[in-house]
Amino acid sequence: MNQDTEALQAKDVEEMAKYGIVRQPVDYFLFDTFRYTSLKDAVAQAKRCENATEV
């Protein structure tokens, strides 16, 4: 199980509450072998690859 989806242990939840830490899910956009946090960046790379194969 990867770190992004792993279940939190009770002690982890307690520490988060103690320090005011908030867990926030993150969307990833996968293109080729790379992972992007920005759809704009993923699309830009896909377009660069598309243009490179058209030449």
PDB file of N, CA and C in Angstrom:
ATOM      1  N   MET A   1       0.849  -1.178   0.000  1.00  0.00           N
ATOM      2  CA  MET A   1       0.000   0.000   0.000  1.00  0.00           C
ATOM      3  C   MET A   1       0.893   1.238   0.000  1.00  0.00           C
ATOM      4  N   ASN A   2       0.604   2.190  -0.878  1.00  0.00           N
ATOM      5  CA  ASN A   2       1.472   3.364  -0.916  1.00  0.00           C
ATOM      6  C   ASN A   2       1.093   4.375   0.156  1.00  0.00           C
ATOM      7  N   GLN A   3       1.972   5.314   0.378  1.00  0.00           N
ATOM      8  CA  GLN A   3       1.806   6.272   1.459  1.00  0.00           C
ATOM      9  C   GLN A   3       0.577   7.156   1.270  1.00  0.00           C
ATOM     10  N   ASP A   4       0.161   7.379   0.045  1.00  0.00           N
ATOM     11  CA  ASP A   4      -0.971   8.259  -0.215  1.00  0.00           C
ATOM     12  C   ASP A   4      -2.298   7.661   0.235  1.00  0.00           C
ATOM     13  N   THR A   5      -2.401   6.340   0.236  1.00  0.00           N
ATOM     14  CA  THR A   5      -3.683   5.710   0.537  1.00  0.00           C
ATOM     15  C   THR A   5      -3.649   4.868   1.801  1.00  0.00           C
ATOM     16  N   GLU A   6      -2.539   4.821   2.495  1.00  0.00           N
ATOM     17  CA  GLU A   6      -2.462   3.958   3.667  1.00  0.00           C
ATOM     18  C   GLU A   6      -3.360   4.461   4.784  1.00  0.00           C
ATOM     19  N   ALA A   7      -3.903   3.513   5.538  1.00  0.00           N
ATOM     20  CA  ALA A   7      -4.750   3.854   6.674  1.00  0.00           C
ATOM     21  C   ALA A   7      -3.877   4.394   7.802  1.00  0.00           C
ATOM     22  N   LEU A   8      -4.403   5.372   8.492  1.00  0.00           N
ATOM     23  CA  LEU A   8      -3.668   5.949   9.609  1.00  0.00           C
ATOM     24  C   LEU A   8      -3.896   5.123  10.868  1.00  0.00           C
ATOM     25  N   GLN A   9      -2.854   4.966  11.640  1.00  0.00           N
ATOM     26  CA  GLN A   9      -2.948   4.301  12.931  1.00  0.00           C
ATOM     27  C   GLN A   9      -3.527   5.299  13.945  1.00  0.00           C
ATOM     28  N   ALA A  10      -4.124   4.792  15.022  1.00  0.00           N
ATOM     29  CA  ALA A  10      -4.715   5.656  16.049  1.00  0.00           C
ATOM     30  C   ALA A  10      -3.683   6.637  16.604  1.00  0.00           C
ATOM     31  N   LYS A  11      -2.446   6.167  16.803  1.00  0.00           N
ATOM     32  CA  LYS A  11      -1.406   7.060  17.337  1.00  0.00           C
ATOM     33  C   LYS A  11      -1.078   8.184  16.356  1.00  0.00           C
ATOM     34  N   ASP A  12      -1.163   7.880  15.065  1.00  0.00           N
ATOM     35  CA  ASP A  12      -0.923   8.909  14.049  1.00  0.00           C
ATOM     36  C   ASP A  12      -2.011   9.983  14.104  1.00  0.00           C
ATOM     37  N   VAL A  13      -3.260   9.540  14.241  1.00  0.00           N
ATOM     38  CA  VAL A  13      -4.388  10.471  14.320  1.00  0.00           C
ATOM     39  C   VAL A  13      -4.247  11.349  15.553  1.00  0.00           C
ATOM     40  N   GLU A  14      -3.827  10.765  16.662  1.00  0.00           N
ATOM     41  CA  GLU A  14      -3.627  11.530  17.900  1.00  0.00           C
ATOM     42  C   GLU A  14      -2.542  12.589  17.714  1.00  0.00           C
ATOM     43  N   GLU A  15      -1.429  12.203  17.102  1.00  0.00           N
ATOM     44  CA  GLU A  15      -0.348  13.161  16.870  1.00  0.00           C
ATOM     45  C   GLU A  15      -0.788  14.279  15.927  1.00  0.00           C
ATOM     46  N   MET A  16      -1.548  13.924  14.919  1.00  0.00           N
ATOM     47  CA  MET A  16      -2.053  14.932  13.991  1.00  0.00           C
ATOM     48  C   MET A  16      -2.906  15.957  14.739  1.00  0.00           C
ATOM     49  N   ALA A  17      -3.796  15.470  15.593  1.00  0.00           N
ATOM     50  CA  ALA A  17      -4.657  16.365  16.369  1.00  0.00           C
ATOM     51  C   ALA A  17      -3.822  17.230  17.312  1.00  0.00           C
ATOM     52  N   LYS A  18      -2.843  16.627  17.952  1.00  0.00           N
ATOM     53  CA  LYS A  18      -2.001  17.347  18.905  1.00  0.00           C
ATOM     54  C   LYS A  18      -1.290  18.522  18.243  1.00  0.00           C
ATOM     55  N   TYR A  19      -0.781  18.318  17.026  1.00  0.00           N
ATOM     56  CA  TYR A  19       0.010  19.336  16.349  1.00  0.00           C
ATOM     57  C   TYR A  19      -0.769  20.134  15.306  1.00  0.00           C
ATOM     58  N   GLY A  20      -2.053  19.847  15.161  1.00  0.00           N
ATOM     59  CA  GLY A  20      -2.862  20.577  14.189  1.00  0.00           C
ATOM     60  C   GLY A  20      -2.546  20.224  12.749  1.00  0.00           C
ATOM     61  N   ILE A  21      -2.124  18.997  12.527  1.00  0.00           N
ATOM     62  CA  ILE A  21      -1.782  18.540  11.169  1.00  0.00           C
ATOM     63  C   ILE A  21      -3.049  18.014  10.494  1.00  0.00           C
ATOM     64  N   VAL A  22      -3.249  18.416   9.250  1.00  0.00           N
ATOM     65  CA  VAL A  22      -4.420  18.000   8.487  1.00  0.00           C
ATOM     66  C   VAL A  22      -3.961  17.183   7.284  1.00  0.00           C
ATOM     67  N   ARG A  23      -4.589  16.054   7.090  1.00  0.00           N
ATOM     68  CA  ARG A  23      -4.287  15.220   5.919  1.00  0.00           C
ATOM     69  C   ARG A  23      -5.171  15.680   4.767  1.00  0.00           C
ATOM     70  N   GLN A  24      -4.554  15.856   3.605  1.00  0.00           N
ATOM     71  CA  GLN A  24      -5.291  16.310   2.440  1.00  0.00           C
ATOM     72  C   GLN A  24      -4.953  15.419   1.250  1.00  0.00           C
ATOM     73  N   PRO A  25      -5.966  14.817   0.648  1.00  0.00           N
ATOM     74  CA  PRO A  25      -5.705  13.979  -0.535  1.00  0.00           C
ATOM     75  C   PRO A  25      -5.178  14.817  -1.692  1.00  0.00           C
ATOM     76  N   VAL A  26      -4.374  14.192  -2.531  1.00  0.00           N
ATOM     77  CA  VAL A  26      -3.771  14.880  -3.670  1.00  0.00           C
ATOM     78  C   VAL A  26      -4.093  14.099  -4.944  1.00  0.00           C
ATOM     79  N   ASP A  27      -4.496  14.809  -5.974  1.00  0.00           N
ATOM     80  CA  ASP A  27      -4.714  14.179  -7.277  1.00  0.00           C
ATOM     81  C   ASP A  27      -3.389  14.142  -8.024  1.00  0.00           C
ATOM     82  N   TYR A  28      -3.134  13.019  -8.692  1.00  0.00           N
ATOM     83  CA  TYR A  28      -1.961  12.886  -9.544  1.00  0.00           C
ATOM     84  C   TYR A  28      -2.426  12.620 -10.957  1.00  0.00           C
ATOM     85  N   PHE A  29      -1.716  13.152 -11.898  1.00  0.00           N
ATOM     86  CA  PHE A  29      -1.998  12.954 -13.311  1.00  0.00           C
ATOM     87  C   PHE A  29      -0.803  12.218 -13.895  1.00  0.00           C
ATOM     88  N   LEU A  30      -1.042  11.016 -14.410  1.00  0.00           N
ATOM     89  CA  LEU A  30       0.036  10.175 -14.907  1.00  0.00           C
ATOM     90  C   LEU A  30       0.115  10.271 -16.422  1.00  0.00           C
ATOM     91  N   PHE A  31       1.326  10.507 -16.902  1.00  0.00           N
ATOM     92  CA  PHE A  31       1.592  10.484 -18.341  1.00  0.00           C
ATOM     93  C   PHE A  31       2.942   9.828 -18.536  1.00  0.00           C
ATOM     94  N   ASP A  32       2.959   8.822 -19.402  1.00  0.00           N
ATOM     95  CA  ASP A  32       4.165   8.056 -19.655  1.00  0.00           C
ATOM     96  C   ASP A  32       4.646   7.486 -18.319  1.00  0.00           C
ATOM     97  N   THR A  33       5.846   7.747 -17.920  1.00  0.00           N
ATOM     98  CA  THR A  33       6.342   7.206 -16.646  1.00  0.00           C
ATOM     99  C   THR A  33       6.409   8.277 -15.567  1.00  0.00           C
ATOM    100  N   PHE A  34       5.789   9.426 -15.817  1.00  0.00           N
ATOM    101  CA  PHE A  34       5.882  10.543 -14.881  1.00  0.00           C
ATOM    102  C   PHE A  34       4.551  10.817 -14.195  1.00  0.00           C
ATOM    103  N   ARG A  35       4.635  11.362 -13.002  1.00  0.00           N
ATOM    104  CA  ARG A  35       3.465  11.714 -12.211  1.00  0.00           C
ATOM    105  C   ARG A  35       3.482  13.233 -11.983  1.00  0.00           C
ATOM    106  N   TYR A  36       2.381  13.864 -12.304  1.00  0.00           N
ATOM    107  CA  TYR A  36       2.264  15.314 -12.180  1.00  0.00           C
ATOM    108  C   TYR A  36       1.181  15.657 -11.170  1.00  0.00           C
ATOM    109  N   THR A  37       1.371  16.746 -10.439  1.00  0.00           N
ATOM    110  CA  THR A  37       0.322  17.242  -9.544  1.00  0.00           C
ATOM    111  C   THR A  37      -0.506  18.314 -10.241  1.00  0.00           C
ATOM    112  N   SER A  38      -0.100  18.693 -11.424  1.00  0.00           N
ATOM    113  CA  SER A  38      -0.809  19.702 -12.207  1.00  0.00           C
ATOM    114  C   SER A  38      -1.242  19.097 -13.534  1.00  0.00           C
ATOM    115  N   LEU A  39      -2.530  19.154 -13.823  1.00  0.00           N
ATOM    116  CA  LEU A  39      -3.029  18.673 -15.115  1.00  0.00           C
ATOM    117  C   LEU A  39      -2.410  19.480 -16.248  1.00  0.00           C
ATOM    118  N   LYS A  40      -2.252  20.776 -16.036  1.00  0.00           N
ATOM    119  CA  LYS A  40      -1.658  21.652 -17.059  1.00  0.00           C
ATOM    120  C   LYS A  40      -0.256  21.165 -17.440  1.00  0.00           C
ATOM    121  N   ASP A  41       0.545  20.775 -16.454  1.00  0.00           N
ATOM    122  CA  ASP A  41       1.898  20.289 -16.730  1.00  0.00           C
ATOM    123  C   ASP A  41       1.870  18.958 -17.472  1.00  0.00           C
ATOM    124  N   ALA A  42       0.952  18.071 -17.093  1.00  0.00           N
ATOM    125  CA  ALA A  42       0.846  16.766 -17.767  1.00  0.00           C
ATOM    126  C   ALA A  42       0.443  16.946 -19.229  1.00  0.00           C
ATOM    127  N   VAL A  43      -0.512  17.815 -19.475  1.00  0.00           N
ATOM    128  CA  VAL A  43      -0.962  18.068 -20.851  1.00  0.00           C
ATOM    129  C   VAL A  43       0.156  18.714 -21.667  1.00  0.00           C
ATOM    130  N   ALA A  44       0.876  19.642 -21.058  1.00  0.00           N
ATOM    131  CA  ALA A  44       1.983  20.299 -21.766  1.00  0.00           C
ATOM    132  C   ALA A  44       3.033  19.273 -22.186  1.00  0.00           C
ATOM    133  N   GLN A  45       3.360  18.343 -21.302  1.00  0.00           N
ATOM    134  CA  GLN A  45       4.345  17.312 -21.639  1.00  0.00           C
ATOM    135  C   GLN A  45       3.814  16.393 -22.730  1.00  0.00           C
ATOM    136  N   ALA A  46       2.549  16.024 -22.639  1.00  0.00           N
ATOM    137  CA  ALA A  46       1.945  15.167 -23.659  1.00  0.00           C
ATOM    138  C   ALA A  46       1.994  15.844 -25.027  1.00  0.00           C
ATOM    139  N   LYS A  47       1.737  17.143 -25.046  1.00  0.00           N
ATOM    140  CA  LYS A  47       1.799  17.888 -26.315  1.00  0.00           C
ATOM    141  C   LYS A  47       3.221  17.955 -26.844  1.00  0.00           C
ATOM    142  N   ARG A  48       4.203  18.136 -25.944  1.00  0.00           N
ATOM    143  CA  ARG A  48       5.604  18.149 -26.392  1.00  0.00           C
ATOM    144  C   ARG A  48       5.968  16.805 -27.017  1.00  0.00           C
ATOM    145  N   CYS A  49       5.535  15.738 -26.407  1.00  0.00           N
ATOM    146  CA  CYS A  49       5.817  14.394 -26.945  1.00  0.00           C
ATOM    147  C   CYS A  49       5.119  14.193 -28.284  1.00  0.00           C
ATOM    148  N   GLU A  50       3.889  14.657 -28.368  1.00  0.00           N
ATOM    149  CA  GLU A  50       3.133  14.537 -29.618  1.00  0.00           C
ATOM    150  C   GLU A  50       3.835  15.306 -30.733  1.00  0.00           C
ATOM    151  N   ASN A  51       4.281  16.512 -30.442  1.00  0.00           N
ATOM    152  CA  ASN A  51       4.968  17.341 -31.446  1.00  0.00           C
ATOM    153  C   ASN A  51       6.296  16.725 -31.856  1.00  0.00           C
ATOM    154  N   ALA A  52       6.988  16.095 -30.934  1.00  0.00           N
ATOM    155  CA  ALA A  52       8.280  15.480 -31.234  1.00  0.00           C
ATOM    156  C   ALA A  52       8.128  14.303 -32.187  1.00  0.00           C
ATOM    157  N   THR A  53       7.004  13.586 -32.115  1.00  0.00           N
ATOM    158  CA  THR A  53       6.813  12.434 -32.999  1.00  0.00           C
ATOM    159  C   THR A  53       6.265  12.844 -34.361  1.00  0.00           C
ATOM    160  N   GLU A  54       5.754  14.073 -34.471  1.00  0.00           N
ATOM    161  CA  GLU A  54       5.221  14.552 -35.748  1.00  0.00           C
ATOM    162  C   GLU A  54       6.307  15.071 -36.663  1.00  0.00           C
ATOM    163  N   VAL A  55       7.480  15.372 -36.152  1.00  0.00           N
ATOM    164  CA  VAL A  55       8.555  15.973 -36.947  1.00  0.00           C
ATOM    165  C   VAL A  55       9.232  14.946 -37.793  1.00  0.00           C
TER     166      VAL A  55
END
